Amino acid sequence: MDDEPTTVNRIERTGMSFRVGMLVVVLALDVTVRTAQFASTGPAEQLAFFFDRTGHAAVASVDPTDSDAFVAALYVAGTLLLVRARHPAVGEMTRLIKERRFVDVYSRIAGSSVETGKLFVRDVSADGLLSATPGAEMIDAARMGGSREVLFNGNVAAQNLTAAQYDRALADADTRYARLLRILLAAAES
């Protein structure tokens, strides 16, 4: 009779199995929710797949919401570099896009002196803008307008940001980045 589990032992094991099972479910949901909250993840991965599949390294387009603004991306060693900016030489930029000289478009709009509406993004794994943990080596970053670059490394204090400012910068950059990636995906497929 000593070998048979007691009712108390069975209840303890059942409770432990239940807690472990719930922990697994909670962790899986947490990962899903954290990944799902970033709008740029899917479009970034799709654009990286396009570059990997075709061997191309750049794409550019006019921003359909602003005919004086252009968006371009470079794909370098698994990193997406994106810039969106207005450029005073609209005719020249349009011609370069038609000629598929996307690297030239990227370099010209990156150097544009018009800061209003400008966005630079460095997506180090081409997986969307994600917030890394402090100390991580692969860090996404964005610079919006004339503001300083925000490193999405989770280290808000070192950047003199509050948690709310950091979260807002990440959310704003992610939303804008996702929209621009969709424009570039449409251009890449045409």
N, C-alpha and C. Protein backbone atom coordinates (compact mmCIF):
# COMPACT_ATOMS: atom_id res chain seq x y z
N MET A 1 0.81 -1.19 0.00
CA MET A 1 0.00 0.00 0.00
C MET A 1 0.85 1.26 0.00
N ASP A 2 2.10 1.20 0.48
CA ASP A 2 2.95 2.38 0.52
C ASP A 2 3.33 2.84 -0.88
N ASP A 3 3.32 1.91 -1.88
CA ASP A 3 3.70 2.28 -3.23
C ASP A 3 2.61 3.06 -3.95
N GLU A 4 1.37 2.94 -3.48
CA GLU A 4 0.28 3.65 -4.14
C GLU A 4 0.31 5.12 -3.76
N PRO A 5 0.11 5.98 -4.77
CA PRO A 5 0.10 7.41 -4.45
C PRO A 5 -1.13 7.75 -3.62
N THR A 6 -0.92 8.59 -2.68
CA THR A 6 -2.03 9.02 -1.85
C THR A 6 -2.85 10.05 -2.61
N THR A 7 -4.01 10.28 -2.15
CA THR A 7 -4.87 11.28 -2.77
C THR A 7 -4.21 12.64 -2.75
N VAL A 8 -3.53 12.95 -1.67
CA VAL A 8 -2.85 14.24 -1.56
C VAL A 8 -1.74 14.34 -2.60
N ASN A 9 -0.95 13.26 -2.76
CA ASN A 9 0.13 13.27 -3.76
C ASN A 9 -0.41 13.44 -5.17
N ARG A 10 -1.54 12.72 -5.46
CA ARG A 10 -2.12 12.84 -6.80
C ARG A 10 -2.61 14.27 -7.05
N ILE A 11 -3.20 14.89 -6.06
CA ILE A 11 -3.70 16.26 -6.20
C ILE A 11 -2.53 17.22 -6.40
N GLU A 12 -1.43 17.01 -5.64
CA GLU A 12 -0.27 17.88 -5.80
C GLU A 12 0.32 17.76 -7.20
N ARG A 13 0.43 16.52 -7.71
CA ARG A 13 0.98 16.32 -9.05
C ARG A 13 0.06 16.90 -10.11
N THR A 14 -1.23 16.72 -9.93
CA THR A 14 -2.19 17.28 -10.89
C THR A 14 -2.11 18.80 -10.88
N GLY A 15 -2.03 19.39 -9.69
CA GLY A 15 -1.91 20.85 -9.58
C GLY A 15 -0.63 21.34 -10.21
N MET A 16 0.47 20.61 -10.03
CA MET A 16 1.75 20.99 -10.63
C MET A 16 1.67 20.90 -12.15
N SER A 17 1.07 19.85 -12.67
CA SER A 17 0.91 19.71 -14.12
C SER A 17 0.06 20.84 -14.68
N PHE A 18 -0.98 21.19 -13.95
CA PHE A 18 -1.84 22.28 -14.38
C PHE A 18 -1.07 23.59 -14.41
N ARG A 19 -0.27 23.87 -13.35
CA ARG A 19 0.50 25.12 -13.31
C ARG A 19 1.54 25.16 -14.43
N VAL A 20 2.22 24.05 -14.68
CA VAL A 20 3.21 24.01 -15.76
C VAL A 20 2.51 24.22 -17.10
N GLY A 21 1.37 23.57 -17.30
CA GLY A 21 0.62 23.74 -18.54
C GLY A 21 0.17 25.17 -18.73
N MET A 22 -0.31 25.81 -17.67
CA MET A 22 -0.75 27.20 -17.76
C MET A 22 0.44 28.12 -18.05
N LEU A 23 1.59 27.84 -17.45
CA LEU A 23 2.77 28.66 -17.70
C LEU A 23 3.16 28.58 -19.17
N VAL A 24 3.12 27.39 -19.75
CA VAL A 24 3.44 27.23 -21.17
C VAL A 24 2.46 28.03 -22.03
N VAL A 25 1.17 27.95 -21.71
CA VAL A 25 0.16 28.69 -22.46
C VAL A 25 0.39 30.19 -22.33
N VAL A 26 0.66 30.68 -21.13
CA VAL A 26 0.89 32.10 -20.91
C VAL A 26 2.13 32.57 -21.66
N LEU A 27 3.21 31.81 -21.62
CA LEU A 27 4.43 32.19 -22.34
C LEU A 27 4.19 32.21 -23.85
N ALA A 28 3.47 31.23 -24.35
CA ALA A 28 3.17 31.19 -25.79
C ALA A 28 2.32 32.39 -26.18
N LEU A 29 1.34 32.72 -25.38
CA LEU A 29 0.50 33.89 -25.67
C LEU A 29 1.32 35.17 -25.60
N ASP A 30 2.23 35.26 -24.63
CA ASP A 30 3.05 36.46 -24.49
C ASP A 30 3.91 36.67 -25.73
N VAL A 31 4.54 35.61 -26.21
CA VAL A 31 5.37 35.70 -27.40
C VAL A 31 4.51 36.10 -28.60
N THR A 32 3.34 35.48 -28.74
CA THR A 32 2.45 35.81 -29.85
C THR A 32 2.02 37.26 -29.80
N VAL A 33 1.63 37.74 -28.63
CA VAL A 33 1.16 39.11 -28.49
C VAL A 33 2.30 40.08 -28.78
N ARG A 34 3.51 39.83 -28.24
CA ARG A 34 4.61 40.75 -28.48
C ARG A 34 4.98 40.80 -29.96
N THR A 35 4.93 39.67 -30.65
CA THR A 35 5.27 39.65 -32.07
C THR A 35 4.15 40.30 -32.89
N ALA A 36 2.91 40.02 -32.54
CA ALA A 36 1.79 40.52 -33.32
C ALA A 36 1.63 42.03 -33.22
N GLN A 37 2.15 42.64 -32.17
CA GLN A 37 1.92 44.07 -31.99
C GLN A 37 2.75 44.93 -32.95
N PHE A 38 3.72 44.35 -33.65
CA PHE A 38 4.55 45.12 -34.55
C PHE A 38 4.04 44.99 -35.98
N ALA A 39 3.56 46.10 -36.52
CA ALA A 39 2.97 46.10 -37.86
C ALA A 39 4.01 45.87 -38.96
N SER A 40 5.27 46.19 -38.68
CA SER A 40 6.29 46.11 -39.72
C SER A 40 6.89 44.72 -39.90
N THR A 41 6.61 43.80 -39.00
CA THR A 41 7.25 42.48 -39.06
C THR A 41 6.97 41.77 -40.39
N GLY A 42 5.71 41.60 -40.73
CA GLY A 42 5.36 40.88 -41.96
C GLY A 42 5.89 41.56 -43.21
N PRO A 43 5.62 42.85 -43.40
CA PRO A 43 6.13 43.52 -44.61
C PRO A 43 7.66 43.50 -44.72
N ALA A 44 8.37 43.63 -43.60
CA ALA A 44 9.84 43.61 -43.64
C ALA A 44 10.33 42.23 -44.08
N GLU A 45 9.74 41.19 -43.52
CA GLU A 45 10.14 39.85 -43.90
C GLU A 45 9.82 39.56 -45.36
N GLN A 46 8.69 40.08 -45.85
CA GLN A 46 8.32 39.89 -47.26
C GLN A 46 9.30 40.61 -48.18
N LEU A 47 9.70 41.83 -47.82
CA LEU A 47 10.64 42.55 -48.66
C LEU A 47 12.01 41.87 -48.65
N ALA A 48 12.44 41.40 -47.49
CA ALA A 48 13.72 40.67 -47.41
C ALA A 48 13.65 39.40 -48.27
N PHE A 49 12.51 38.72 -48.23
CA PHE A 49 12.34 37.52 -49.06
C PHE A 49 12.44 37.89 -50.55
N PHE A 50 11.82 39.00 -50.93
CA PHE A 50 11.93 39.47 -52.32
C PHE A 50 13.39 39.68 -52.70
N PHE A 51 14.14 40.38 -51.84
CA PHE A 51 15.55 40.64 -52.14
C PHE A 51 16.34 39.34 -52.22
N ASP A 52 16.11 38.43 -51.29
CA ASP A 52 16.82 37.14 -51.30
C ASP A 52 16.49 36.35 -52.56
N ARG A 53 15.21 36.34 -52.94
CA ARG A 53 14.75 35.56 -54.08
C ARG A 53 15.25 36.11 -55.40
N THR A 54 15.27 37.44 -55.54
CA THR A 54 15.62 38.04 -56.83
C THR A 54 17.09 38.44 -56.95
N GLY A 55 17.77 38.56 -55.83
CA GLY A 55 19.15 39.02 -55.87
C GLY A 55 19.28 40.52 -55.96
N HIS A 56 18.16 41.23 -56.00
CA HIS A 56 18.21 42.69 -56.01
C HIS A 56 18.63 43.20 -54.64
N ALA A 57 19.13 44.41 -54.59
CA ALA A 57 19.60 44.97 -53.33
C ALA A 57 18.95 46.30 -52.99
N ALA A 58 18.05 46.79 -53.87
CA ALA A 58 17.41 48.09 -53.61
C ALA A 58 16.08 48.17 -54.34
N VAL A 59 15.22 49.03 -53.82
CA VAL A 59 13.94 49.34 -54.46
C VAL A 59 13.55 50.74 -54.02
N ALA A 60 12.81 51.44 -54.88
CA ALA A 60 12.39 52.81 -54.55
C ALA A 60 11.05 53.10 -55.20
N SER A 61 10.37 54.12 -54.66
CA SER A 61 9.06 54.51 -55.18
C SER A 61 8.74 55.93 -54.75
N VAL A 62 7.80 56.52 -55.44
CA VAL A 62 7.20 57.78 -54.99
C VAL A 62 6.26 57.41 -53.84
N ASP A 63 6.19 58.26 -52.83
CA ASP A 63 5.22 58.06 -51.75
C ASP A 63 3.87 58.52 -52.29
N PRO A 64 2.90 57.63 -52.44
CA PRO A 64 1.62 58.02 -53.05
C PRO A 64 0.83 59.05 -52.24
N THR A 65 1.20 59.27 -50.99
CA THR A 65 0.50 60.28 -50.18
C THR A 65 1.12 61.66 -50.31
N ASP A 66 2.28 61.75 -50.99
CA ASP A 66 2.98 63.03 -51.13
C ASP A 66 3.88 62.94 -52.36
N SER A 67 3.46 63.56 -53.44
CA SER A 67 4.18 63.41 -54.72
C SER A 67 5.59 64.02 -54.71
N ASP A 68 5.93 64.80 -53.69
CA ASP A 68 7.28 65.34 -53.56
C ASP A 68 8.18 64.46 -52.69
N ALA A 69 7.62 63.36 -52.19
CA ALA A 69 8.38 62.49 -51.27
C ALA A 69 8.63 61.14 -51.93
N PHE A 70 9.76 60.58 -51.55
CA PHE A 70 10.18 59.30 -52.12
C PHE A 70 10.60 58.38 -50.99
N VAL A 71 10.51 57.09 -51.26
CA VAL A 71 10.92 56.10 -50.28
C VAL A 71 11.81 55.09 -51.00
N ALA A 72 12.87 54.68 -50.32
CA ALA A 72 13.80 53.72 -50.91
C ALA A 72 14.37 52.84 -49.81
N ALA A 73 14.72 51.63 -50.20
CA ALA A 73 15.34 50.70 -49.24
C ALA A 73 16.52 50.02 -49.89
N LEU A 74 17.53 49.80 -49.07
CA LEU A 74 18.68 48.99 -49.44
C LEU A 74 18.67 47.75 -48.57
N TYR A 75 19.13 46.65 -49.12
CA TYR A 75 19.23 45.39 -48.38
C TYR A 75 20.69 45.00 -48.37
N VAL A 76 21.32 45.14 -47.22
CA VAL A 76 22.76 44.92 -47.10
C VAL A 76 23.02 43.92 -45.97
N ALA A 77 23.58 42.78 -46.33
CA ALA A 77 23.96 41.76 -45.35
C ALA A 77 22.83 41.43 -44.38
N GLY A 78 21.62 41.26 -44.92
CA GLY A 78 20.47 40.90 -44.08
C GLY A 78 19.85 42.04 -43.33
N THR A 79 20.31 43.25 -43.55
CA THR A 79 19.77 44.44 -42.89
C THR A 79 19.02 45.29 -43.91
N LEU A 80 17.83 45.74 -43.51
CA LEU A 80 17.08 46.68 -44.34
C LEU A 80 17.38 48.09 -43.88
N LEU A 81 17.77 48.94 -44.80
CA LEU A 81 17.97 50.36 -44.55
C LEU A 81 16.92 51.09 -45.38
N LEU A 82 16.08 51.86 -44.73
CA LEU A 82 14.99 52.54 -45.43
C LEU A 82 15.08 54.03 -45.15
N VAL A 83 14.79 54.81 -46.19
CA VAL A 83 14.69 56.25 -46.03
C VAL A 83 13.47 56.73 -46.79
N ARG A 84 12.79 57.68 -46.18
CA ARG A 84 11.66 58.37 -46.82
C ARG A 84 11.91 59.85 -46.62
N ALA A 85 11.88 60.61 -47.72
CA ALA A 85 12.12 62.04 -47.61
C ALA A 85 11.57 62.76 -48.84
N ARG A 86 11.35 64.04 -48.66
CA ARG A 86 11.01 64.90 -49.79
C ARG A 86 12.33 65.27 -50.47
N HIS A 87 12.23 65.51 -51.77
CA HIS A 87 13.42 65.91 -52.51
C HIS A 87 13.02 67.02 -53.47
N PRO A 88 13.81 68.10 -53.54
CA PRO A 88 13.43 69.22 -54.41
C PRO A 88 13.47 68.90 -55.91
N ALA A 89 14.25 67.91 -56.30
CA ALA A 89 14.36 67.54 -57.72
C ALA A 89 13.41 66.38 -58.04
N VAL A 90 12.11 66.66 -58.00
CA VAL A 90 11.10 65.62 -58.20
C VAL A 90 11.27 64.94 -59.56
N GLY A 91 11.49 65.72 -60.60
CA GLY A 91 11.65 65.15 -61.95
C GLY A 91 12.82 64.18 -62.03
N GLU A 92 13.93 64.57 -61.43
CA GLU A 92 15.11 63.70 -61.44
C GLU A 92 14.85 62.41 -60.68
N MET A 93 14.21 62.50 -59.52
CA MET A 93 13.93 61.31 -58.71
C MET A 93 12.99 60.37 -59.47
N THR A 94 11.97 60.95 -60.09
CA THR A 94 11.01 60.15 -60.86
C THR A 94 11.71 59.44 -62.01
N ARG A 95 12.61 60.14 -62.69
CA ARG A 95 13.37 59.54 -63.80
C ARG A 95 14.24 58.39 -63.29
N LEU A 96 14.92 58.59 -62.17
CA LEU A 96 15.77 57.53 -61.62
C LEU A 96 14.96 56.30 -61.24
N ILE A 97 13.76 56.53 -60.72
CA ILE A 97 12.90 55.38 -60.38
C ILE A 97 12.48 54.65 -61.64
N LYS A 98 12.08 55.38 -62.66
CA LYS A 98 11.69 54.74 -63.94
C LYS A 98 12.85 53.97 -64.54
N GLU A 99 14.08 54.47 -64.36
CA GLU A 99 15.27 53.79 -64.87
C GLU A 99 15.74 52.67 -63.93
N ARG A 100 15.02 52.50 -62.82
CA ARG A 100 15.31 51.47 -61.82
C ARG A 100 16.70 51.64 -61.19
N ARG A 101 17.10 52.89 -61.05
CA ARG A 101 18.38 53.22 -60.41
C ARG A 101 18.11 53.52 -58.94
N PHE A 102 17.70 52.48 -58.23
CA PHE A 102 17.20 52.61 -56.88
C PHE A 102 18.27 53.00 -55.85
N VAL A 103 19.50 52.56 -56.05
CA VAL A 103 20.58 52.95 -55.14
C VAL A 103 20.83 54.45 -55.24
N ASP A 104 20.77 54.97 -56.46
CA ASP A 104 20.92 56.42 -56.65
C ASP A 104 19.79 57.19 -55.97
N VAL A 105 18.58 56.67 -56.07
CA VAL A 105 17.44 57.31 -55.40
C VAL A 105 17.68 57.31 -53.90
N TYR A 106 18.08 56.16 -53.37
CA TYR A 106 18.33 56.06 -51.93
C TYR A 106 19.35 57.11 -51.48
N SER A 107 20.47 57.16 -52.17
CA SER A 107 21.53 58.08 -51.74
C SER A 107 21.11 59.54 -51.85
N ARG A 108 20.34 59.87 -52.87
CA ARG A 108 19.92 61.27 -53.03
C ARG A 108 18.88 61.67 -51.99
N ILE A 109 17.91 60.81 -51.73
CA ILE A 109 16.90 61.22 -50.74
C ILE A 109 17.46 61.14 -49.33
N ALA A 110 18.40 60.25 -49.10
CA ALA A 110 19.04 60.19 -47.78
C ALA A 110 19.79 61.49 -47.50
N GLY A 111 20.34 62.08 -48.55
CA GLY A 111 21.09 63.33 -48.40
C GLY A 111 20.24 64.58 -48.54
N SER A 112 18.94 64.41 -48.72
CA SER A 112 18.06 65.56 -48.88
C SER A 112 18.07 66.43 -47.62
N SER A 113 18.13 67.73 -47.83
CA SER A 113 18.17 68.65 -46.69
C SER A 113 16.78 68.94 -46.13
N VAL A 114 15.73 68.44 -46.77
CA VAL A 114 14.36 68.66 -46.30
C VAL A 114 14.08 67.67 -45.17
N GLU A 115 14.01 68.18 -43.92
CA GLU A 115 13.84 67.32 -42.76
C GLU A 115 12.38 66.96 -42.46
N THR A 116 11.44 67.79 -42.91
CA THR A 116 10.03 67.54 -42.62
C THR A 116 9.59 66.22 -43.23
N GLY A 117 9.09 65.32 -42.41
CA GLY A 117 8.59 64.04 -42.89
C GLY A 117 9.66 63.01 -43.18
N LYS A 118 10.90 63.32 -42.92
CA LYS A 118 12.00 62.40 -43.22
C LYS A 118 12.01 61.26 -42.20
N LEU A 119 12.32 60.07 -42.67
CA LEU A 119 12.42 58.90 -41.79
C LEU A 119 13.57 58.03 -42.26
N PHE A 120 14.45 57.69 -41.33
CA PHE A 120 15.50 56.70 -41.56
C PHE A 120 15.20 55.51 -40.65
N VAL A 121 15.32 54.31 -41.18
CA VAL A 121 15.14 53.11 -40.37
C VAL A 121 16.29 52.16 -40.65
N ARG A 122 16.83 51.59 -39.58
CA ARG A 122 17.81 50.50 -39.68
C ARG A 122 17.18 49.28 -39.02
N ASP A 123 16.82 48.30 -39.83
CA ASP A 123 16.16 47.07 -39.38
C ASP A 123 17.19 45.94 -39.53
N VAL A 124 17.93 45.67 -38.46
CA VAL A 124 19.13 44.84 -38.57
C VAL A 124 18.89 43.40 -38.97
N SER A 125 17.75 42.86 -38.74
CA SER A 125 17.48 41.48 -39.15
C SER A 125 16.41 41.39 -40.22
N ALA A 126 15.99 42.54 -40.74
CA ALA A 126 14.92 42.59 -41.74
C ALA A 126 13.69 41.84 -41.25
N ASP A 127 13.37 42.08 -39.97
CA ASP A 127 12.21 41.40 -39.36
C ASP A 127 11.24 42.39 -38.73
N GLY A 128 11.32 43.64 -39.15
CA GLY A 128 10.46 44.68 -38.58
C GLY A 128 11.15 45.35 -37.41
N LEU A 129 10.59 46.48 -37.00
CA LEU A 129 11.15 47.20 -35.86
C LEU A 129 10.73 46.50 -34.59
N LEU A 130 11.71 45.99 -33.88
CA LEU A 130 11.46 45.28 -32.63
C LEU A 130 12.31 45.90 -31.54
N SER A 131 11.81 45.81 -30.34
CA SER A 131 12.57 46.32 -29.20
C SER A 131 13.41 45.19 -28.63
N ALA A 132 14.71 45.39 -28.61
CA ALA A 132 15.62 44.39 -28.06
C ALA A 132 15.77 44.60 -26.55
N THR A 133 16.39 43.66 -25.92
CA THR A 133 16.67 43.81 -24.49
C THR A 133 17.99 44.56 -24.34
N PRO A 134 18.14 45.29 -23.24
CA PRO A 134 19.40 46.01 -23.03
C PRO A 134 20.59 45.05 -23.14
N GLY A 135 21.62 45.49 -23.83
CA GLY A 135 22.82 44.68 -24.01
C GLY A 135 22.81 43.85 -25.28
N ALA A 136 21.70 43.82 -26.00
CA ALA A 136 21.62 43.05 -27.23
C ALA A 136 22.54 43.67 -28.28
N GLU A 137 23.05 42.84 -29.16
CA GLU A 137 23.96 43.33 -30.20
C GLU A 137 23.23 43.79 -31.45
N MET A 138 22.10 43.18 -31.75
CA MET A 138 21.36 43.49 -32.98
C MET A 138 20.24 44.46 -32.60
N ILE A 139 20.44 45.74 -32.92
CA ILE A 139 19.54 46.79 -32.46
C ILE A 139 18.97 47.55 -33.65
N ASP A 140 17.63 47.60 -33.72
CA ASP A 140 16.96 48.41 -34.73
C ASP A 140 16.99 49.86 -34.27
N ALA A 141 16.86 50.78 -35.22
CA ALA A 141 16.89 52.21 -34.88
C ALA A 141 16.07 52.99 -35.89
N ALA A 142 15.63 54.17 -35.48
CA ALA A 142 14.90 55.07 -36.38
C ALA A 142 15.21 56.51 -36.03
N ARG A 143 15.20 57.33 -37.05
CA ARG A 143 15.34 58.78 -36.89
C ARG A 143 14.19 59.40 -37.68
N MET A 144 13.34 60.15 -36.97
CA MET A 144 12.18 60.76 -37.61
C MET A 144 12.35 62.27 -37.66
N GLY A 145 12.22 62.83 -38.86
CA GLY A 145 12.37 64.27 -39.03
C GLY A 145 13.76 64.70 -38.60
N GLY A 146 13.84 65.82 -37.97
CA GLY A 146 15.13 66.33 -37.52
C GLY A 146 15.50 65.84 -36.13
N SER A 147 14.73 64.91 -35.60
CA SER A 147 15.00 64.44 -34.24
C SER A 147 16.21 63.51 -34.21
N ARG A 148 16.63 63.21 -33.02
CA ARG A 148 17.78 62.32 -32.88
C ARG A 148 17.35 60.87 -33.10
N GLU A 149 18.33 60.04 -33.35
CA GLU A 149 18.07 58.62 -33.57
C GLU A 149 17.65 57.96 -32.26
N VAL A 150 16.64 57.10 -32.34
CA VAL A 150 16.23 56.31 -31.18
C VAL A 150 16.67 54.88 -31.44
N LEU A 151 17.44 54.33 -30.51
CA LEU A 151 17.86 52.94 -30.58
C LEU A 151 16.82 52.10 -29.86
N PHE A 152 16.28 51.10 -30.52
CA PHE A 152 15.26 50.26 -29.91
C PHE A 152 15.93 49.08 -29.21
N ASN A 153 16.69 49.45 -28.18
CA ASN A 153 17.46 48.47 -27.42
C ASN A 153 16.91 48.26 -26.01
N GLY A 154 15.77 48.86 -25.72
CA GLY A 154 15.16 48.71 -24.40
C GLY A 154 15.79 49.56 -23.33
N ASN A 155 16.87 50.24 -23.62
CA ASN A 155 17.58 51.03 -22.63
C ASN A 155 17.13 52.49 -22.74
N VAL A 156 16.03 52.80 -22.05
CA VAL A 156 15.45 54.14 -22.16
C VAL A 156 16.27 55.18 -21.42
N ALA A 157 16.80 54.81 -20.27
CA ALA A 157 17.53 55.78 -19.44
C ALA A 157 18.77 56.32 -20.16
N ALA A 158 19.50 55.46 -20.85
CA ALA A 158 20.71 55.90 -21.55
C ALA A 158 20.39 56.86 -22.70
N GLN A 159 19.15 56.86 -23.15
CA GLN A 159 18.75 57.75 -24.24
C GLN A 159 17.97 58.97 -23.73
N ASN A 160 17.94 59.11 -22.41
CA ASN A 160 17.21 60.20 -21.77
C ASN A 160 15.75 60.25 -22.19
N LEU A 161 15.13 59.07 -22.24
CA LEU A 161 13.72 58.94 -22.59
C LEU A 161 12.98 58.31 -21.43
N THR A 162 11.71 58.64 -21.31
CA THR A 162 10.86 57.92 -20.37
C THR A 162 10.39 56.66 -21.09
N ALA A 163 9.86 55.72 -20.36
CA ALA A 163 9.33 54.50 -20.97
C ALA A 163 8.21 54.85 -21.95
N ALA A 164 7.38 55.82 -21.58
CA ALA A 164 6.27 56.23 -22.46
C ALA A 164 6.80 56.86 -23.75
N GLN A 165 7.84 57.68 -23.66
CA GLN A 165 8.43 58.29 -24.87
C GLN A 165 9.04 57.22 -25.78
N TYR A 166 9.73 56.27 -25.18
CA TYR A 166 10.35 55.17 -25.92
C TYR A 166 9.27 54.36 -26.64
N ASP A 167 8.23 53.97 -25.90
CA ASP A 167 7.14 53.18 -26.48
C ASP A 167 6.45 53.94 -27.61
N ARG A 168 6.23 55.23 -27.41
CA ARG A 168 5.58 56.05 -28.44
C ARG A 168 6.47 56.15 -29.68
N ALA A 169 7.77 56.35 -29.49
CA ALA A 169 8.71 56.42 -30.63
C ALA A 169 8.71 55.10 -31.40
N LEU A 170 8.73 53.99 -30.67
CA LEU A 170 8.73 52.67 -31.31
C LEU A 170 7.42 52.46 -32.08
N ALA A 171 6.30 52.77 -31.46
CA ALA A 171 5.00 52.57 -32.12
C ALA A 171 4.86 53.46 -33.35
N ASP A 172 5.26 54.73 -33.24
CA ASP A 172 5.17 55.65 -34.37
C ASP A 172 6.09 55.20 -35.52
N ALA A 173 7.31 54.87 -35.19
CA ALA A 173 8.26 54.42 -36.22
C ALA A 173 7.78 53.13 -36.87
N ASP A 174 7.27 52.21 -36.07
CA ASP A 174 6.79 50.93 -36.60
C ASP A 174 5.62 51.14 -37.56
N THR A 175 4.68 52.00 -37.21
CA THR A 175 3.53 52.27 -38.07
C THR A 175 3.96 52.88 -39.39
N ARG A 176 4.83 53.89 -39.32
CA ARG A 176 5.31 54.54 -40.54
C ARG A 176 6.15 53.57 -41.39
N TYR A 177 7.00 52.81 -40.74
CA TYR A 177 7.85 51.86 -41.44
C TYR A 177 7.00 50.82 -42.16
N ALA A 178 5.99 50.30 -41.50
CA ALA A 178 5.11 49.29 -42.11
C ALA A 178 4.43 49.85 -43.36
N ARG A 179 3.94 51.08 -43.28
CA ARG A 179 3.27 51.71 -44.43
C ARG A 179 4.25 51.85 -45.60
N LEU A 180 5.45 52.30 -45.32
CA LEU A 180 6.45 52.50 -46.37
C LEU A 180 6.92 51.17 -46.96
N LEU A 181 7.03 50.15 -46.14
CA LEU A 181 7.40 48.83 -46.65
C LEU A 181 6.34 48.31 -47.62
N ARG A 182 5.07 48.54 -47.30
CA ARG A 182 4.00 48.09 -48.21
C ARG A 182 4.09 48.82 -49.56
N ILE A 183 4.45 50.10 -49.54
CA ILE A 183 4.65 50.85 -50.79
C ILE A 183 5.77 50.21 -51.59
N LEU A 184 6.87 49.88 -50.91
CA LEU A 184 8.02 49.29 -51.61
C LEU A 184 7.72 47.88 -52.10
N LEU A 185 6.93 47.13 -51.35
CA LEU A 185 6.55 45.79 -51.81
C LEU A 185 5.74 45.89 -53.11
N ALA A 186 4.81 46.84 -53.16
CA ALA A 186 4.03 47.03 -54.39
C ALA A 186 4.94 47.43 -55.54
N ALA A 187 5.90 48.30 -55.29
CA ALA A 187 6.84 48.72 -56.33
C ALA A 187 7.71 47.54 -56.78
N ALA A 188 8.13 46.73 -55.84
CA ALA A 188 8.99 45.58 -56.17
C ALA A 188 8.27 44.57 -57.04
N GLU A 189 6.97 44.43 -56.81
CA GLU A 189 6.20 43.44 -57.55
C GLU A 189 5.76 43.95 -58.92
N SER A 190 5.95 45.25 -59.19
CA SER A 190 5.51 45.77 -60.49
C SER A 190 6.58 45.67 -61.54
